[in-house]
Amino acid sequence: MQTIIFLLLTFLIVIFSVLQYFKSKKTREAKLNSGECPDCGAKAKVFFDETTNTKFKSEVIKSNLLKNHGCSGVSEIEFKCQACGLKEVHQVSSAGCNL
């Protein structure tokens, strides 16, 4: 009986830890897509030139397409933070060929 309870608790702990991992991965990807670094919290800086009434935006997160696996595949995108040097690669689902 103790073995069954121990196995059930172990199974539940494993399931919840896997779910927590995927949740944290998705939140990190969402922050990177919005332009905020998940590690250092740096955001894009906006500068305003009053003489020409122009806004300049200095992005902190730079994205680079590594691999595009065609119409039905995923795209691998590398995100780099210019402030702290963070590098992460995430797979983003492409929406098809869009013909």
PDB file of N, CA and C in Angstrom:
ATOM      1  N   MET A   1       0.826  -1.196   0.000  1.00  0.00           N
ATOM      2  CA  MET A   1       0.000   0.000   0.000  1.00  0.00           C
ATOM      3  C   MET A   1       0.873   1.263   0.000  1.00  0.00           C
ATOM      4  N   GLN A   2       1.952   1.227   0.775  1.00  0.00           N
ATOM      5  CA  GLN A   2       2.843   2.379   0.815  1.00  0.00           C
ATOM      6  C   GLN A   2       3.526   2.582  -0.535  1.00  0.00           C
ATOM      7  N   THR A   3       3.813   1.493  -1.218  1.00  0.00           N
ATOM      8  CA  THR A   3       4.451   1.586  -2.529  1.00  0.00           C
ATOM      9  C   THR A   3       3.516   2.245  -3.531  1.00  0.00           C
ATOM     10  N   ILE A   4       2.263   1.908  -3.492  1.00  0.00           N
ATOM     11  CA  ILE A   4       1.294   2.495  -4.418  1.00  0.00           C
ATOM     12  C   ILE A   4       1.147   3.992  -4.151  1.00  0.00           C
ATOM     13  N   ILE A   5       1.082   4.381  -2.903  1.00  0.00           N
ATOM     14  CA  ILE A   5       0.968   5.801  -2.562  1.00  0.00           C
ATOM     15  C   ILE A   5       2.229   6.544  -2.976  1.00  0.00           C
ATOM     16  N   PHE A   6       3.388   5.956  -2.732  1.00  0.00           N
ATOM     17  CA  PHE A   6       4.646   6.579  -3.139  1.00  0.00           C
ATOM     18  C   PHE A   6       4.717   6.742  -4.661  1.00  0.00           C
ATOM     19  N   LEU A   7       4.333   5.720  -5.413  1.00  0.00           N
ATOM     20  CA  LEU A   7       4.353   5.806  -6.872  1.00  0.00           C
ATOM     21  C   LEU A   7       3.360   6.839  -7.386  1.00  0.00           C
ATOM     22  N   LEU A   8       2.190   6.930  -6.770  1.00  0.00           N
ATOM     23  CA  LEU A   8       1.196   7.921  -7.167  1.00  0.00           C
ATOM     24  C   LEU A   8       1.703   9.338  -6.912  1.00  0.00           C
ATOM     25  N   LEU A   9       2.298   9.563  -5.753  1.00  0.00           N
ATOM     26  CA  LEU A   9       2.853  10.887  -5.462  1.00  0.00           C
ATOM     27  C   LEU A   9       4.005  11.242  -6.394  1.00  0.00           C
ATOM     28  N   THR A  10       4.854  10.285  -6.673  1.00  0.00           N
ATOM     29  CA  THR A  10       5.965  10.515  -7.607  1.00  0.00           C
ATOM     30  C   THR A  10       5.443  10.842  -9.003  1.00  0.00           C
ATOM     31  N   PHE A  11       4.437  10.129  -9.430  1.00  0.00           N
ATOM     32  CA  PHE A  11       3.840  10.382 -10.746  1.00  0.00           C
ATOM     33  C   PHE A  11       3.245  11.786 -10.805  1.00  0.00           C
ATOM     34  N   LEU A  12       2.530  12.194  -9.773  1.00  0.00           N
ATOM     35  CA  LEU A  12       1.938  13.528  -9.751  1.00  0.00           C
ATOM     36  C   LEU A  12       3.001  14.621  -9.729  1.00  0.00           C
ATOM     37  N   ILE A  13       4.060  14.406  -8.987  1.00  0.00           N
ATOM     38  CA  ILE A  13       5.144  15.387  -8.952  1.00  0.00           C
ATOM     39  C   ILE A  13       5.798  15.523 -10.321  1.00  0.00           C
ATOM     40  N   VAL A  14       6.012  14.416 -11.004  1.00  0.00           N
ATOM     41  CA  VAL A  14       6.621  14.459 -12.339  1.00  0.00           C
ATOM     42  C   VAL A  14       5.704  15.182 -13.318  1.00  0.00           C
ATOM     43  N   ILE A  15       4.418  14.889 -13.284  1.00  0.00           N
ATOM     44  CA  ILE A  15       3.469  15.536 -14.200  1.00  0.00           C
ATOM     45  C   ILE A  15       3.448  17.047 -13.961  1.00  0.00           C
ATOM     46  N   PHE A  16       3.359  17.478 -12.705  1.00  0.00           N
ATOM     47  CA  PHE A  16       3.317  18.909 -12.415  1.00  0.00           C
ATOM     48  C   PHE A  16       4.625  19.605 -12.752  1.00  0.00           C
ATOM     49  N   SER A  17       5.750  18.949 -12.583  1.00  0.00           N
ATOM     50  CA  SER A  17       7.025  19.588 -12.930  1.00  0.00           C
ATOM     51  C   SER A  17       7.174  19.742 -14.439  1.00  0.00           C
ATOM     52  N   VAL A  18       6.697  18.778 -15.214  1.00  0.00           N
ATOM     53  CA  VAL A  18       6.741  18.905 -16.677  1.00  0.00           C
ATOM     54  C   VAL A  18       5.826  20.030 -17.137  1.00  0.00           C
ATOM     55  N   LEU A  19       4.645  20.134 -16.558  1.00  0.00           N
ATOM     56  CA  LEU A  19       3.733  21.225 -16.903  1.00  0.00           C
ATOM     57  C   LEU A  19       4.319  22.577 -16.536  1.00  0.00           C
ATOM     58  N   GLN A  20       4.988  22.668 -15.401  1.00  0.00           N
ATOM     59  CA  GLN A  20       5.628  23.915 -14.986  1.00  0.00           C
ATOM     60  C   GLN A  20       6.764  24.297 -15.936  1.00  0.00           C
ATOM     61  N   TYR A  21       7.502  23.315 -16.416  1.00  0.00           N
ATOM     62  CA  TYR A  21       8.584  23.575 -17.378  1.00  0.00           C
ATOM     63  C   TYR A  21       8.025  24.172 -18.665  1.00  0.00           C
ATOM     64  N   PHE A  22       6.972  23.577 -19.214  1.00  0.00           N
ATOM     65  CA  PHE A  22       6.402  24.092 -20.458  1.00  0.00           C
ATOM     66  C   PHE A  22       5.774  25.469 -20.265  1.00  0.00           C
ATOM     67  N   LYS A  23       5.193  25.715 -19.100  1.00  0.00           N
ATOM     68  CA  LYS A  23       4.614  27.026 -18.829  1.00  0.00           C
ATOM     69  C   LYS A  23       5.697  28.092 -18.765  1.00  0.00           C
ATOM     70  N   SER A  24       6.802  27.803 -18.088  1.00  0.00           N
ATOM     71  CA  SER A  24       7.880  28.783 -17.989  1.00  0.00           C
ATOM     72  C   SER A  24       8.539  29.019 -19.349  1.00  0.00           C
ATOM     73  N   LYS A  25       8.619  27.985 -20.167  1.00  0.00           N
ATOM     74  CA  LYS A  25       9.193  28.142 -21.507  1.00  0.00           C
ATOM     75  C   LYS A  25       8.315  29.039 -22.371  1.00  0.00           C
ATOM     76  N   LYS A  26       6.997  28.865 -22.273  1.00  0.00           N
ATOM     77  CA  LYS A  26       6.074  29.698 -23.051  1.00  0.00           C
ATOM     78  C   LYS A  26       6.091  31.153 -22.583  1.00  0.00           C
ATOM     79  N   THR A  27       6.193  31.380 -21.274  1.00  0.00           N
ATOM     80  CA  THR A  27       6.230  32.759 -20.790  1.00  0.00           C
ATOM     81  C   THR A  27       7.530  33.443 -21.197  1.00  0.00           C
ATOM     82  N   ARG A  28       8.640  32.708 -21.197  1.00  0.00           N
ATOM     83  CA  ARG A  28       9.905  33.290 -21.661  1.00  0.00           C
ATOM     84  C   ARG A  28       9.820  33.650 -23.142  1.00  0.00           C
ATOM     85  N   GLU A  29       9.215  32.773 -23.938  1.00  0.00           N
ATOM     86  CA  GLU A  29       9.061  33.050 -25.364  1.00  0.00           C
ATOM     87  C   GLU A  29       8.150  34.252 -25.600  1.00  0.00           C
ATOM     88  N   ALA A  30       7.091  34.373 -24.814  1.00  0.00           N
ATOM     89  CA  ALA A  30       6.185  35.513 -24.960  1.00  0.00           C
ATOM     90  C   ALA A  30       6.890  36.821 -24.611  1.00  0.00           C
ATOM     91  N   LYS A  31       7.717  36.808 -23.568  1.00  0.00           N
ATOM     92  CA  LYS A  31       8.467  38.013 -23.210  1.00  0.00           C
ATOM     93  C   LYS A  31       9.457  38.385 -24.309  1.00  0.00           C
ATOM     94  N   LEU A  32      10.132  37.385 -24.875  1.00  0.00           N
ATOM     95  CA  LEU A  32      11.086  37.667 -25.951  1.00  0.00           C
ATOM     96  C   LEU A  32      10.373  38.221 -27.178  1.00  0.00           C
ATOM     97  N   ASN A  33       9.200  37.703 -27.502  1.00  0.00           N
ATOM     98  CA  ASN A  33       8.441  38.210 -28.650  1.00  0.00           C
ATOM     99  C   ASN A  33       7.953  39.629 -28.420  1.00  0.00           C
ATOM    100  N   SER A  34       7.691  39.991 -27.173  1.00  0.00           N
ATOM    101  CA  SER A  34       7.230  41.349 -26.882  1.00  0.00           C
ATOM    102  C   SER A  34       8.377  42.351 -26.816  1.00  0.00           C
ATOM    103  N   GLY A  35       9.619  41.872 -26.806  1.00  0.00           N
ATOM    104  CA  GLY A  35      10.772  42.771 -26.797  1.00  0.00           C
ATOM    105  C   GLY A  35      11.371  43.000 -25.434  1.00  0.00           C
ATOM    106  N   GLU A  36      11.058  42.147 -24.475  1.00  0.00           N
ATOM    107  CA  GLU A  36      11.593  42.271 -23.118  1.00  0.00           C
ATOM    108  C   GLU A  36      12.462  41.061 -22.817  1.00  0.00           C
ATOM    109  N   CYS A  37      13.597  41.294 -22.175  1.00  0.00           N
ATOM    110  CA  CYS A  37      14.488  40.198 -21.814  1.00  0.00           C
ATOM    111  C   CYS A  37      13.963  39.520 -20.547  1.00  0.00           C
ATOM    112  N   PRO A  38      13.792  38.185 -20.563  1.00  0.00           N
ATOM    113  CA  PRO A  38      13.283  37.508 -19.372  1.00  0.00           C
ATOM    114  C   PRO A  38      14.308  37.413 -18.245  1.00  0.00           C
ATOM    115  N   ASP A  39      15.593  37.557 -18.534  1.00  0.00           N
ATOM    116  CA  ASP A  39      16.612  37.471 -17.485  1.00  0.00           C
ATOM    117  C   ASP A  39      16.876  38.814 -16.814  1.00  0.00           C
ATOM    118  N   CYS A  40      17.245  39.808 -17.607  1.00  0.00           N
ATOM    119  CA  CYS A  40      17.623  41.094 -17.010  1.00  0.00           C
ATOM    120  C   CYS A  40      16.474  42.099 -16.985  1.00  0.00           C
ATOM    121  N   GLY A  41      15.398  41.850 -17.715  1.00  0.00           N
ATOM    122  CA  GLY A  41      14.241  42.742 -17.702  1.00  0.00           C
ATOM    123  C   GLY A  41      14.399  43.985 -18.549  1.00  0.00           C
ATOM    124  N   ALA A  42      15.401  44.022 -19.412  1.00  0.00           N
ATOM    125  CA  ALA A  42      15.619  45.199 -20.255  1.00  0.00           C
ATOM    126  C   ALA A  42      14.535  45.275 -21.325  1.00  0.00           C
ATOM    127  N   LYS A  43      14.095  46.504 -21.590  1.00  0.00           N
ATOM    128  CA  LYS A  43      13.063  46.746 -22.602  1.00  0.00           C
ATOM    129  C   LYS A  43      13.612  47.690 -23.659  1.00  0.00           C
ATOM    130  N   ALA A  44      12.873  47.835 -24.741  1.00  0.00           N
ATOM    131  CA  ALA A  44      13.278  48.737 -25.812  1.00  0.00           C
ATOM    132  C   ALA A  44      13.247  50.174 -25.314  1.00  0.00           C
ATOM    133  N   LYS A  45      14.211  50.964 -25.756  1.00  0.00           N
ATOM    134  CA  LYS A  45      14.297  52.365 -25.358  1.00  0.00           C
ATOM    135  C   LYS A  45      13.789  53.238 -26.493  1.00  0.00           C
ATOM    136  N   VAL A  46      12.990  54.232 -26.136  1.00  0.00           N
ATOM    137  CA  VAL A  46      12.424  55.142 -27.124  1.00  0.00           C
ATOM    138  C   VAL A  46      13.045  56.522 -26.908  1.00  0.00           C
ATOM    139  N   PHE A  47      13.593  57.078 -27.976  1.00  0.00           N
ATOM    140  CA  PHE A  47      14.179  58.409 -27.941  1.00  0.00           C
ATOM    141  C   PHE A  47      13.342  59.320 -28.824  1.00  0.00           C
ATOM    142  N   PHE A  48      13.191  60.563 -28.398  1.00  0.00           N
ATOM    143  CA  PHE A  48      12.395  61.528 -29.159  1.00  0.00           C
ATOM    144  C   PHE A  48      13.276  62.708 -29.531  1.00  0.00           C
ATOM    145  N   ASP A  49      13.324  62.989 -30.833  1.00  0.00           N
ATOM    146  CA  ASP A  49      14.073  64.132 -31.333  1.00  0.00           C
ATOM    147  C   ASP A  49      13.094  65.283 -31.513  1.00  0.00           C
ATOM    148  N   GLU A  50      13.257  66.329 -30.694  1.00  0.00           N
ATOM    149  CA  GLU A  50      12.304  67.435 -30.720  1.00  0.00           C
ATOM    150  C   GLU A  50      12.468  68.324 -31.944  1.00  0.00           C
ATOM    151  N   THR A  51      13.644  68.349 -32.540  1.00  0.00           N
ATOM    152  CA  THR A  51      13.837  69.228 -33.694  1.00  0.00           C
ATOM    153  C   THR A  51      13.117  68.703 -34.927  1.00  0.00           C
ATOM    154  N   THR A  52      13.088  67.384 -35.087  1.00  0.00           N
ATOM    155  CA  THR A  52      12.407  66.815 -36.263  1.00  0.00           C
ATOM    156  C   THR A  52      11.120  66.094 -35.901  1.00  0.00           C
ATOM    157  N   ASN A  53      10.762  66.096 -34.608  1.00  0.00           N
ATOM    158  CA  ASN A  53       9.561  65.410 -34.114  1.00  0.00           C
ATOM    159  C   ASN A  53       9.523  63.951 -34.567  1.00  0.00           C
ATOM    160  N   THR A  54      10.632  63.267 -34.325  1.00  0.00           N
ATOM    161  CA  THR A  54      10.761  61.866 -34.731  1.00  0.00           C
ATOM    162  C   THR A  54      11.073  61.017 -33.513  1.00  0.00           C
ATOM    163  N   LYS A  55      10.429  59.846 -33.460  1.00  0.00           N
ATOM    164  CA  LYS A  55      10.715  58.889 -32.395  1.00  0.00           C
ATOM    165  C   LYS A  55      11.644  57.813 -32.935  1.00  0.00           C
ATOM    166  N   PHE A  56      12.684  57.512 -32.164  1.00  0.00           N
ATOM    167  CA  PHE A  56      13.604  56.442 -32.490  1.00  0.00           C
ATOM    168  C   PHE A  56      13.468  55.356 -31.433  1.00  0.00           C
ATOM    169  N   LYS A  57      13.452  54.113 -31.868  1.00  0.00           N
ATOM    170  CA  LYS A  57      13.296  52.998 -30.940  1.00  0.00           C
ATOM    171  C   LYS A  57      14.528  52.110 -31.039  1.00  0.00           C
ATOM    172  N   SER A  58      15.189  51.895 -29.917  1.00  0.00           N
ATOM    173  CA  SER A  58      16.367  51.038 -29.851  1.00  0.00           C
ATOM    174  C   SER A  58      15.952  49.707 -29.237  1.00  0.00           C
ATOM    175  N   GLU A  59      15.875  48.676 -30.059  1.00  0.00           N
ATOM    176  CA  GLU A  59      15.444  47.359 -29.597  1.00  0.00           C
ATOM    177  C   GLU A  59      16.561  46.679 -28.805  1.00  0.00           C
ATOM    178  N   VAL A  60      16.183  45.996 -27.730  1.00  0.00           N
ATOM    179  CA  VAL A  60      17.139  45.267 -26.908  1.00  0.00           C
ATOM    180  C   VAL A  60      17.256  43.828 -27.393  1.00  0.00           C
ATOM    181  N   ILE A  61      16.147  43.259 -27.854  1.00  0.00           N
ATOM    182  CA  ILE A  61      16.110  41.870 -28.313  1.00  0.00           C
ATOM    183  C   ILE A  61      16.234  41.847 -29.833  1.00  0.00           C
ATOM    184  N   LYS A  62      17.237  41.157 -30.312  1.00  0.00           N
ATOM    185  CA  LYS A  62      17.430  40.961 -31.752  1.00  0.00           C
ATOM    186  C   LYS A  62      17.050  39.519 -32.086  1.00  0.00           C
ATOM    187  N   SER A  63      16.272  39.323 -33.132  1.00  0.00           N
ATOM    188  CA  SER A  63      15.867  37.977 -33.523  1.00  0.00           C
ATOM    189  C   SER A  63      16.487  37.627 -34.867  1.00  0.00           C
ATOM    190  N   ASN A  64      16.805  36.353 -35.019  1.00  0.00           N
ATOM    191  CA  ASN A  64      17.461  35.860 -36.221  1.00  0.00           C
ATOM    192  C   ASN A  64      16.822  34.526 -36.602  1.00  0.00           C
ATOM    193  N   LEU A  65      16.392  34.391 -37.842  1.00  0.00           N
ATOM    194  CA  LEU A  65      15.805  33.144 -38.323  1.00  0.00           C
ATOM    195  C   LEU A  65      16.919  32.151 -38.620  1.00  0.00           C
ATOM    196  N   LEU A  66      16.930  31.025 -37.902  1.00  0.00           N
ATOM    197  CA  LEU A  66      17.963  30.016 -38.103  1.00  0.00           C
ATOM    198  C   LEU A  66      17.564  29.018 -39.177  1.00  0.00           C
ATOM    199  N   LYS A  67      16.384  28.415 -39.025  1.00  0.00           N
ATOM    200  CA  LYS A  67      15.913  27.418 -39.991  1.00  0.00           C
ATOM    201  C   LYS A  67      14.433  27.622 -40.239  1.00  0.00           C
ATOM    202  N   ASN A  68      14.061  27.488 -41.502  1.00  0.00           N
ATOM    203  CA  ASN A  68      12.658  27.513 -41.877  1.00  0.00           C
ATOM    204  C   ASN A  68      12.363  26.166 -42.526  1.00  0.00           C
ATOM    205  N   HIS A  69      11.483  25.392 -41.925  1.00  0.00           N
ATOM    206  CA  HIS A  69      11.234  24.032 -42.380  1.00  0.00           C
ATOM    207  C   HIS A  69      10.045  23.936 -43.320  1.00  0.00           C
ATOM    208  N   GLY A  70       9.883  24.903 -44.188  1.00  0.00           N
ATOM    209  CA  GLY A  70       8.861  24.838 -45.213  1.00  0.00           C
ATOM    210  C   GLY A  70       7.494  25.297 -44.746  1.00  0.00           C
ATOM    211  N   CYS A  71       6.502  24.989 -45.590  1.00  0.00           N
ATOM    212  CA  CYS A  71       5.143  25.485 -45.334  1.00  0.00           C
ATOM    213  C   CYS A  71       4.502  24.851 -44.109  1.00  0.00           C
ATOM    214  N   SER A  72       4.688  23.570 -43.940  1.00  0.00           N
ATOM    215  CA  SER A  72       3.998  22.895 -42.837  1.00  0.00           C
ATOM    216  C   SER A  72       4.893  22.670 -41.628  1.00  0.00           C
ATOM    217  N   GLY A  73       6.114  23.153 -41.667  1.00  0.00           N
ATOM    218  CA  GLY A  73       7.039  22.940 -40.559  1.00  0.00           C
ATOM    219  C   GLY A  73       7.111  24.130 -39.629  1.00  0.00           C
ATOM    220  N   VAL A  74       8.021  24.068 -38.687  1.00  0.00           N
ATOM    221  CA  VAL A  74       8.222  25.159 -37.731  1.00  0.00           C
ATOM    222  C   VAL A  74       9.453  25.957 -38.128  1.00  0.00           C
ATOM    223  N   SER A  75       9.528  27.160 -37.639  1.00  0.00           N
ATOM    224  CA  SER A  75      10.692  28.007 -37.858  1.00  0.00           C
ATOM    225  C   SER A  75      11.456  28.119 -36.555  1.00  0.00           C
ATOM    226  N   GLU A  76      12.761  27.987 -36.630  1.00  0.00           N
ATOM    227  CA  GLU A  76      13.607  28.123 -35.450  1.00  0.00           C
ATOM    228  C   GLU A  76      14.176  29.536 -35.437  1.00  0.00           C
ATOM    229  N   ILE A  77      13.877  30.267 -34.359  1.00  0.00           N
ATOM    230  CA  ILE A  77      14.294  31.658 -34.247  1.00  0.00           C
ATOM    231  C   ILE A  77      15.215  31.795 -33.040  1.00  0.00           C
ATOM    232  N   GLU A  78      16.344  32.467 -33.255  1.00  0.00           N
ATOM    233  CA  GLU A  78      17.291  32.732 -32.175  1.00  0.00           C
ATOM    234  C   GLU A  78      17.074  34.158 -31.683  1.00  0.00           C
ATOM    235  N   PHE A  79      16.907  34.319 -30.374  1.00  0.00           N
ATOM    236  CA  PHE A  79      16.743  35.624 -29.756  1.00  0.00           C
ATOM    237  C   PHE A  79      18.022  35.952 -28.993  1.00  0.00           C
ATOM    238  N   LYS A  80      18.511  37.192 -29.168  1.00  0.00           N
ATOM    239  CA  LYS A  80      19.705  37.655 -28.459  1.00  0.00           C
ATOM    240  C   LYS A  80      19.384  38.949 -27.737  1.00  0.00           C
ATOM    241  N   CYS A  81      19.778  39.020 -26.474  1.00  0.00           N
ATOM    242  CA  CYS A  81      19.631  40.248 -25.697  1.00  0.00           C
ATOM    243  C   CYS A  81      20.934  41.037 -25.812  1.00  0.00           C
ATOM    244  N   GLN A  82      20.820  42.296 -26.187  1.00  0.00           N
ATOM    245  CA  GLN A  82      21.997  43.137 -26.334  1.00  0.00           C
ATOM    246  C   GLN A  82      22.525  43.614 -24.983  1.00  0.00           C
ATOM    247  N   ALA A  83      21.685  43.602 -23.950  1.00  0.00           N
ATOM    248  CA  ALA A  83      22.097  44.110 -22.644  1.00  0.00           C
ATOM    249  C   ALA A  83      22.884  43.068 -21.849  1.00  0.00           C
ATOM    250  N   CYS A  84      22.375  41.831 -21.773  1.00  0.00           N
ATOM    251  CA  CYS A  84      23.024  40.833 -20.909  1.00  0.00           C
ATOM    252  C   CYS A  84      23.652  39.680 -21.689  1.00  0.00           C
ATOM    253  N   GLY A  85      23.442  39.606 -22.999  1.00  0.00           N
ATOM    254  CA  GLY A  85      24.060  38.565 -23.805  1.00  0.00           C
ATOM    255  C   GLY A  85      23.304  37.242 -23.814  1.00  0.00           C
ATOM    256  N   LEU A  86      22.048  37.242 -23.400  1.00  0.00           N
ATOM    257  CA  LEU A  86      21.236  36.028 -23.387  1.00  0.00           C
ATOM    258  C   LEU A  86      20.982  35.553 -24.813  1.00  0.00           C
ATOM    259  N   LYS A  87      21.125  34.233 -25.039  1.00  0.00           N
ATOM    260  CA  LYS A  87      20.818  33.623 -26.333  1.00  0.00           C
ATOM    261  C   LYS A  87      19.856  32.478 -26.093  1.00  0.00           C
ATOM    262  N   GLU A  88      18.722  32.496 -26.783  1.00  0.00           N
ATOM    263  CA  GLU A  88      17.747  31.410 -26.689  1.00  0.00           C
ATOM    264  C   GLU A  88      17.211  31.117 -28.074  1.00  0.00           C
ATOM    265  N   VAL A  89      16.955  29.839 -28.334  1.00  0.00           N
ATOM    266  CA  VAL A  89      16.366  29.408 -29.602  1.00  0.00           C
ATOM    267  C   VAL A  89      14.999  28.822 -29.297  1.00  0.00           C
ATOM    268  N   HIS A  90      13.983  29.331 -29.992  1.00  0.00           N
ATOM    269  CA  HIS A  90      12.617  28.846 -29.828  1.00  0.00           C
ATOM    270  C   HIS A  90      12.062  28.450 -31.183  1.00  0.00           C
ATOM    271  N   GLN A  91      11.177  27.468 -31.164  1.00  0.00           N
ATOM    272  CA  GLN A  91      10.517  27.029 -32.378  1.00  0.00           C
ATOM    273  C   GLN A  91       9.149  27.694 -32.449  1.00  0.00           C
ATOM    274  N   VAL A  92       8.890  28.374 -33.575  1.00  0.00           N
ATOM    275  CA  VAL A  92       7.637  29.085 -33.770  1.00  0.00           C
ATOM    276  C   VAL A  92       6.901  28.426 -34.911  1.00  0.00           C
ATOM    277  N   SER A  93       5.646  28.130 -34.685  1.00  0.00           N
ATOM    278  CA  SER A  93       4.828  27.484 -35.704  1.00  0.00           C
ATOM    279  C   SER A  93       4.533  28.465 -36.822  1.00  0.00           C
ATOM    280  N   SER A  94       4.784  28.049 -38.059  1.00  0.00           N
ATOM    281  CA  SER A  94       4.460  28.894 -39.195  1.00  0.00           C
ATOM    282  C   SER A  94       3.013  28.630 -39.606  1.00  0.00           C
ATOM    283  N   ALA A  95       2.389  29.602 -40.197  1.00  0.00           N
ATOM    284  CA  ALA A  95       0.962  29.515 -40.520  1.00  0.00           C
ATOM    285  C   ALA A  95       0.735  28.975 -41.932  1.00  0.00           C
ATOM    286  N   GLY A  96       1.625  28.148 -42.424  1.00  0.00           N
ATOM    287  CA  GLY A  96       1.464  27.593 -43.762  1.00  0.00           C
ATOM    288  C   GLY A  96       2.125  28.479 -44.799  1.00  0.00           C
ATOM    289  N   CYS A  97       1.825  28.215 -46.041  1.00  0.00           N
ATOM    290  CA  CYS A  97       2.461  28.937 -47.139  1.00  0.00           C
ATOM    291  C   CYS A  97       1.831  30.305 -47.380  1.00  0.00           C
ATOM    292  N   ASN A  98       0.604  30.514 -46.937  1.00  0.00           N
ATOM    293  CA  ASN A  98      -0.107  31.779 -47.140  1.00  0.00           C
ATOM    294  C   ASN A  98      -0.175  32.151 -48.603  1.00  0.00           C
ATOM    295  N   LEU A  99      -0.624  31.219 -49.401  1.00  0.00           N
ATOM    296  CA  LEU A  99      -0.750  31.478 -50.841  1.00  0.00           C
ATOM    297  C   LEU A  99      -1.997  32.234 -51.155  1.00  0.00           C
TER     298      LEU A  99
END
